[in-house]
Amino acid sequence: MSERTDTRTTPGLLDDSETREPRRFKVLLHNDDYTTMDFVVHVLRSVFQKPEHEAMRIMLAVHQQGLGMCGVYTSEVAETKVDTVHAMAKAAGYPLRASMEEVG
């Protein structure tokens, strides 16, 4: 006879009805007075794998509205992308900033 684990009374275990989606985060780029539009497009294409037309659209949103959303990711992926943007900007001598914000 096999022993069954009762997920309703076992701490730390979730049954199927309690399975949750991972938290999701928007990655945002912030406008500044020094980073070139070309560099922002380069970041969007290389870090976020955006096609040229979408990278241009996001770059213009950053420039005109102060913020542009690059994508929505799990926490770990969003953190990595923010860190990558900061490292690329620092290496290129730009003050470009990225941030992450929880969705919903």
N, C-alpha and C. Protein backbone atom coordinates (compact mmCIF):
# COMPACT_ATOMS: atom_id res chain seq x y z
N MET A 1 0.84 -1.18 0.00
CA MET A 1 0.00 0.00 0.00
C MET A 1 0.89 1.24 0.00
N SER A 2 0.64 2.15 -0.93
CA SER A 2 1.45 3.36 -1.01
C SER A 2 0.87 4.45 -0.12
N GLU A 3 1.76 5.29 0.36
CA GLU A 3 1.33 6.39 1.22
C GLU A 3 1.11 7.63 0.38
N ARG A 4 -0.03 8.28 0.51
CA ARG A 4 -0.34 9.51 -0.24
C ARG A 4 -0.05 10.72 0.61
N THR A 5 0.46 11.75 -0.04
CA THR A 5 0.69 13.01 0.65
C THR A 5 -0.54 13.88 0.48
N ASP A 6 -1.09 14.34 1.56
CA ASP A 6 -2.24 15.23 1.51
C ASP A 6 -1.72 16.66 1.42
N THR A 7 -1.85 17.26 0.24
CA THR A 7 -1.31 18.60 0.02
C THR A 7 -2.07 19.67 0.79
N ARG A 8 -3.26 19.36 1.27
CA ARG A 8 -4.01 20.36 2.03
C ARG A 8 -3.46 20.54 3.43
N THR A 9 -2.78 19.54 3.96
CA THR A 9 -2.28 19.65 5.33
C THR A 9 -0.76 19.62 5.41
N THR A 10 -0.08 19.43 4.28
CA THR A 10 1.38 19.40 4.29
C THR A 10 1.90 20.79 3.98
N PRO A 11 2.60 21.40 4.93
CA PRO A 11 3.12 22.76 4.69
C PRO A 11 4.10 22.78 3.52
N GLY A 12 4.04 23.84 2.73
CA GLY A 12 4.98 24.01 1.64
C GLY A 12 4.56 23.39 0.33
N LEU A 13 3.52 22.59 0.33
CA LEU A 13 3.05 21.98 -0.91
C LEU A 13 1.77 22.65 -1.38
N LEU A 14 1.66 22.85 -2.69
CA LEU A 14 0.47 23.45 -3.27
C LEU A 14 -0.24 22.39 -4.09
N ASP A 15 -1.55 22.34 -4.01
CA ASP A 15 -2.27 21.46 -4.92
C ASP A 15 -2.49 22.20 -6.24
N ASP A 16 -3.04 21.53 -7.24
CA ASP A 16 -3.19 22.12 -8.56
C ASP A 16 -4.00 23.42 -8.55
N SER A 17 -4.96 23.55 -7.65
CA SER A 17 -5.79 24.75 -7.62
C SER A 17 -5.02 25.96 -7.06
N GLU A 18 -3.87 25.73 -6.42
CA GLU A 18 -3.11 26.82 -5.83
C GLU A 18 -1.87 27.19 -6.64
N THR A 19 -1.67 26.59 -7.80
CA THR A 19 -0.52 26.90 -8.63
C THR A 19 -0.64 28.32 -9.15
N ARG A 20 0.43 29.09 -8.97
CA ARG A 20 0.40 30.50 -9.38
C ARG A 20 1.40 30.73 -10.50
N GLU A 21 1.06 31.68 -11.35
CA GLU A 21 1.98 32.13 -12.39
C GLU A 21 3.08 32.95 -11.72
N PRO A 22 4.29 32.93 -12.27
CA PRO A 22 5.34 33.77 -11.68
C PRO A 22 5.01 35.25 -11.85
N ARG A 23 5.48 36.06 -10.93
CA ARG A 23 5.27 37.50 -11.03
C ARG A 23 5.97 38.01 -12.29
N ARG A 24 5.38 39.00 -12.94
CA ARG A 24 5.91 39.55 -14.18
C ARG A 24 6.28 41.02 -13.98
N PHE A 25 7.34 41.43 -14.67
CA PHE A 25 7.85 42.79 -14.53
C PHE A 25 8.08 43.44 -15.88
N LYS A 26 7.66 44.71 -15.98
CA LYS A 26 7.95 45.51 -17.17
C LYS A 26 9.36 46.04 -17.03
N VAL A 27 10.11 46.04 -18.13
CA VAL A 27 11.42 46.70 -18.14
C VAL A 27 11.23 48.01 -18.90
N LEU A 28 11.64 49.10 -18.28
CA LEU A 28 11.46 50.45 -18.82
C LEU A 28 12.80 51.12 -19.07
N LEU A 29 12.89 51.87 -20.15
CA LEU A 29 14.04 52.74 -20.39
C LEU A 29 13.62 54.17 -20.08
N HIS A 30 14.54 54.95 -19.50
CA HIS A 30 14.26 56.32 -19.09
C HIS A 30 15.01 57.30 -19.97
N ASN A 31 14.36 58.38 -20.33
CA ASN A 31 14.98 59.42 -21.14
C ASN A 31 16.04 60.19 -20.35
N ASP A 32 17.07 60.62 -21.05
CA ASP A 32 18.04 61.54 -20.47
C ASP A 32 18.50 62.48 -21.59
N ASP A 33 19.29 63.47 -21.24
CA ASP A 33 19.70 64.48 -22.22
C ASP A 33 20.99 64.14 -22.97
N TYR A 34 21.57 62.97 -22.73
CA TYR A 34 22.88 62.66 -23.29
C TYR A 34 22.94 61.41 -24.17
N THR A 35 22.17 60.38 -23.82
CA THR A 35 22.23 59.13 -24.59
C THR A 35 21.66 59.36 -25.98
N THR A 36 22.38 58.92 -26.99
CA THR A 36 21.92 59.13 -28.36
C THR A 36 20.77 58.18 -28.71
N MET A 37 19.96 58.61 -29.64
CA MET A 37 18.86 57.78 -30.11
C MET A 37 19.40 56.50 -30.75
N ASP A 38 20.51 56.62 -31.47
CA ASP A 38 21.11 55.43 -32.09
C ASP A 38 21.53 54.40 -31.05
N PHE A 39 22.07 54.86 -29.93
CA PHE A 39 22.48 53.92 -28.89
C PHE A 39 21.27 53.24 -28.27
N VAL A 40 20.20 53.98 -28.05
CA VAL A 40 18.97 53.39 -27.49
C VAL A 40 18.44 52.31 -28.44
N VAL A 41 18.44 52.59 -29.73
CA VAL A 41 18.00 51.59 -30.71
C VAL A 41 18.92 50.36 -30.65
N HIS A 42 20.21 50.60 -30.55
CA HIS A 42 21.18 49.49 -30.45
C HIS A 42 20.87 48.61 -29.22
N VAL A 43 20.61 49.24 -28.08
CA VAL A 43 20.27 48.50 -26.86
C VAL A 43 18.98 47.70 -27.06
N LEU A 44 17.99 48.33 -27.63
CA LEU A 44 16.71 47.64 -27.84
C LEU A 44 16.86 46.44 -28.78
N ARG A 45 17.70 46.57 -29.77
CA ARG A 45 17.91 45.48 -30.73
C ARG A 45 18.76 44.37 -30.12
N SER A 46 19.81 44.72 -29.39
CA SER A 46 20.73 43.70 -28.90
C SER A 46 20.29 43.06 -27.58
N VAL A 47 19.76 43.84 -26.66
CA VAL A 47 19.36 43.30 -25.35
C VAL A 47 17.95 42.72 -25.38
N PHE A 48 17.06 43.39 -26.10
CA PHE A 48 15.65 43.00 -26.09
C PHE A 48 15.20 42.32 -27.38
N GLN A 49 16.12 42.14 -28.32
CA GLN A 49 15.85 41.47 -29.60
C GLN A 49 14.66 42.07 -30.35
N LYS A 50 14.55 43.38 -30.33
CA LYS A 50 13.47 44.07 -31.03
C LYS A 50 13.85 44.27 -32.49
N PRO A 51 12.90 44.07 -33.40
CA PRO A 51 13.17 44.41 -34.80
C PRO A 51 13.33 45.92 -34.95
N GLU A 52 13.96 46.35 -36.02
CA GLU A 52 14.27 47.76 -36.24
C GLU A 52 13.07 48.68 -36.03
N HIS A 53 11.92 48.36 -36.65
CA HIS A 53 10.75 49.25 -36.56
C HIS A 53 10.23 49.35 -35.13
N GLU A 54 10.26 48.27 -34.37
CA GLU A 54 9.78 48.31 -32.99
C GLU A 54 10.79 49.05 -32.10
N ALA A 55 12.08 48.85 -32.35
CA ALA A 55 13.11 49.56 -31.59
C ALA A 55 12.97 51.07 -31.81
N MET A 56 12.69 51.47 -33.04
CA MET A 56 12.50 52.90 -33.33
C MET A 56 11.27 53.45 -32.60
N ARG A 57 10.19 52.67 -32.59
CA ARG A 57 8.96 53.11 -31.91
C ARG A 57 9.20 53.29 -30.42
N ILE A 58 9.88 52.33 -29.79
CA ILE A 58 10.15 52.42 -28.35
C ILE A 58 11.10 53.58 -28.06
N MET A 59 12.14 53.74 -28.90
CA MET A 59 13.09 54.83 -28.71
C MET A 59 12.38 56.18 -28.77
N LEU A 60 11.45 56.33 -29.70
CA LEU A 60 10.70 57.59 -29.80
C LEU A 60 9.82 57.82 -28.57
N ALA A 61 9.25 56.75 -28.03
CA ALA A 61 8.46 56.88 -26.80
C ALA A 61 9.35 57.34 -25.65
N VAL A 62 10.55 56.77 -25.56
CA VAL A 62 11.50 57.20 -24.52
C VAL A 62 11.80 58.69 -24.70
N HIS A 63 12.10 59.09 -25.91
CA HIS A 63 12.48 60.47 -26.21
C HIS A 63 11.33 61.45 -25.99
N GLN A 64 10.13 61.10 -26.42
CA GLN A 64 9.01 62.04 -26.38
C GLN A 64 8.21 61.98 -25.08
N GLN A 65 8.12 60.80 -24.48
CA GLN A 65 7.27 60.64 -23.29
C GLN A 65 8.07 60.43 -22.00
N GLY A 66 9.38 60.24 -22.14
CA GLY A 66 10.22 60.07 -20.97
C GLY A 66 10.45 58.63 -20.56
N LEU A 67 9.62 57.72 -21.03
CA LEU A 67 9.72 56.29 -20.70
C LEU A 67 9.33 55.47 -21.91
N GLY A 68 9.93 54.30 -22.01
CA GLY A 68 9.51 53.35 -23.04
C GLY A 68 9.58 51.94 -22.48
N MET A 69 8.55 51.14 -22.73
CA MET A 69 8.52 49.78 -22.23
C MET A 69 9.19 48.85 -23.24
N CYS A 70 10.15 48.09 -22.75
CA CYS A 70 10.93 47.19 -23.61
C CYS A 70 10.35 45.78 -23.66
N GLY A 71 9.61 45.39 -22.63
CA GLY A 71 9.04 44.04 -22.60
C GLY A 71 8.62 43.68 -21.19
N VAL A 72 8.01 42.50 -21.07
CA VAL A 72 7.54 41.99 -19.78
C VAL A 72 8.20 40.63 -19.56
N TYR A 73 8.80 40.45 -18.39
CA TYR A 73 9.61 39.27 -18.12
C TYR A 73 9.42 38.81 -16.67
N THR A 74 9.92 37.61 -16.37
CA THR A 74 9.97 37.17 -14.98
C THR A 74 11.00 38.04 -14.25
N SER A 75 10.99 38.00 -12.96
CA SER A 75 11.86 38.84 -12.15
C SER A 75 13.34 38.66 -12.50
N GLU A 76 13.80 37.44 -12.61
CA GLU A 76 15.21 37.18 -12.86
C GLU A 76 15.63 37.69 -14.24
N VAL A 77 14.79 37.47 -15.24
CA VAL A 77 15.11 37.93 -16.60
C VAL A 77 15.11 39.45 -16.65
N ALA A 78 14.12 40.07 -16.02
CA ALA A 78 14.04 41.54 -16.00
C ALA A 78 15.27 42.14 -15.33
N GLU A 79 15.67 41.58 -14.19
CA GLU A 79 16.85 42.07 -13.49
C GLU A 79 18.09 41.97 -14.36
N THR A 80 18.24 40.85 -15.05
CA THR A 80 19.40 40.65 -15.92
C THR A 80 19.41 41.67 -17.04
N LYS A 81 18.26 41.93 -17.64
CA LYS A 81 18.19 42.89 -18.74
C LYS A 81 18.49 44.31 -18.25
N VAL A 82 17.99 44.69 -17.09
CA VAL A 82 18.29 46.01 -16.52
C VAL A 82 19.80 46.13 -16.28
N ASP A 83 20.40 45.10 -15.69
CA ASP A 83 21.84 45.13 -15.42
C ASP A 83 22.65 45.21 -16.73
N THR A 84 22.20 44.50 -17.75
CA THR A 84 22.89 44.52 -19.04
C THR A 84 22.83 45.91 -19.68
N VAL A 85 21.65 46.54 -19.61
CA VAL A 85 21.51 47.91 -20.14
C VAL A 85 22.47 48.84 -19.42
N HIS A 86 22.53 48.76 -18.11
CA HIS A 86 23.40 49.65 -17.34
C HIS A 86 24.87 49.41 -17.67
N ALA A 87 25.26 48.16 -17.83
CA ALA A 87 26.65 47.83 -18.16
C ALA A 87 27.01 48.35 -19.55
N MET A 88 26.12 48.16 -20.52
CA MET A 88 26.37 48.66 -21.88
C MET A 88 26.47 50.18 -21.90
N ALA A 89 25.56 50.83 -21.19
CA ALA A 89 25.55 52.30 -21.17
C ALA A 89 26.83 52.84 -20.51
N LYS A 90 27.22 52.24 -19.42
CA LYS A 90 28.44 52.68 -18.72
C LYS A 90 29.65 52.50 -19.63
N ALA A 91 29.75 51.35 -20.30
CA ALA A 91 30.88 51.07 -21.18
C ALA A 91 30.94 52.07 -22.34
N ALA A 92 29.77 52.53 -22.79
CA ALA A 92 29.71 53.48 -23.91
C ALA A 92 29.76 54.94 -23.44
N GLY A 93 29.77 55.16 -22.14
CA GLY A 93 29.84 56.51 -21.60
C GLY A 93 28.52 57.26 -21.58
N TYR A 94 27.42 56.52 -21.54
CA TYR A 94 26.09 57.14 -21.50
C TYR A 94 25.43 56.91 -20.14
N PRO A 95 24.56 57.84 -19.72
CA PRO A 95 23.85 57.67 -18.44
C PRO A 95 22.49 56.96 -18.57
N LEU A 96 22.28 56.23 -19.65
CA LEU A 96 20.98 55.56 -19.89
C LEU A 96 20.61 54.70 -18.68
N ARG A 97 19.37 54.85 -18.24
CA ARG A 97 18.87 54.09 -17.09
C ARG A 97 17.70 53.22 -17.52
N ALA A 98 17.64 52.06 -16.89
CA ALA A 98 16.52 51.13 -17.06
C ALA A 98 15.99 50.79 -15.68
N SER A 99 14.73 50.42 -15.63
CA SER A 99 14.14 50.00 -14.36
C SER A 99 13.13 48.91 -14.65
N MET A 100 12.70 48.26 -13.57
CA MET A 100 11.65 47.24 -13.69
C MET A 100 10.53 47.57 -12.74
N GLU A 101 9.31 47.25 -13.19
CA GLU A 101 8.12 47.59 -12.43
C GLU A 101 7.17 46.40 -12.53
N GLU A 102 6.65 45.95 -11.39
CA GLU A 102 5.76 44.81 -11.41
C GLU A 102 4.48 45.11 -12.19
N VAL A 103 4.04 44.14 -12.96
CA VAL A 103 2.82 44.27 -13.75
C VAL A 103 1.62 43.99 -12.85
N GLY A 104 0.59 44.82 -13.00
CA GLY A 104 -0.68 44.57 -12.36
C GLY A 104 -0.74 44.86 -10.94
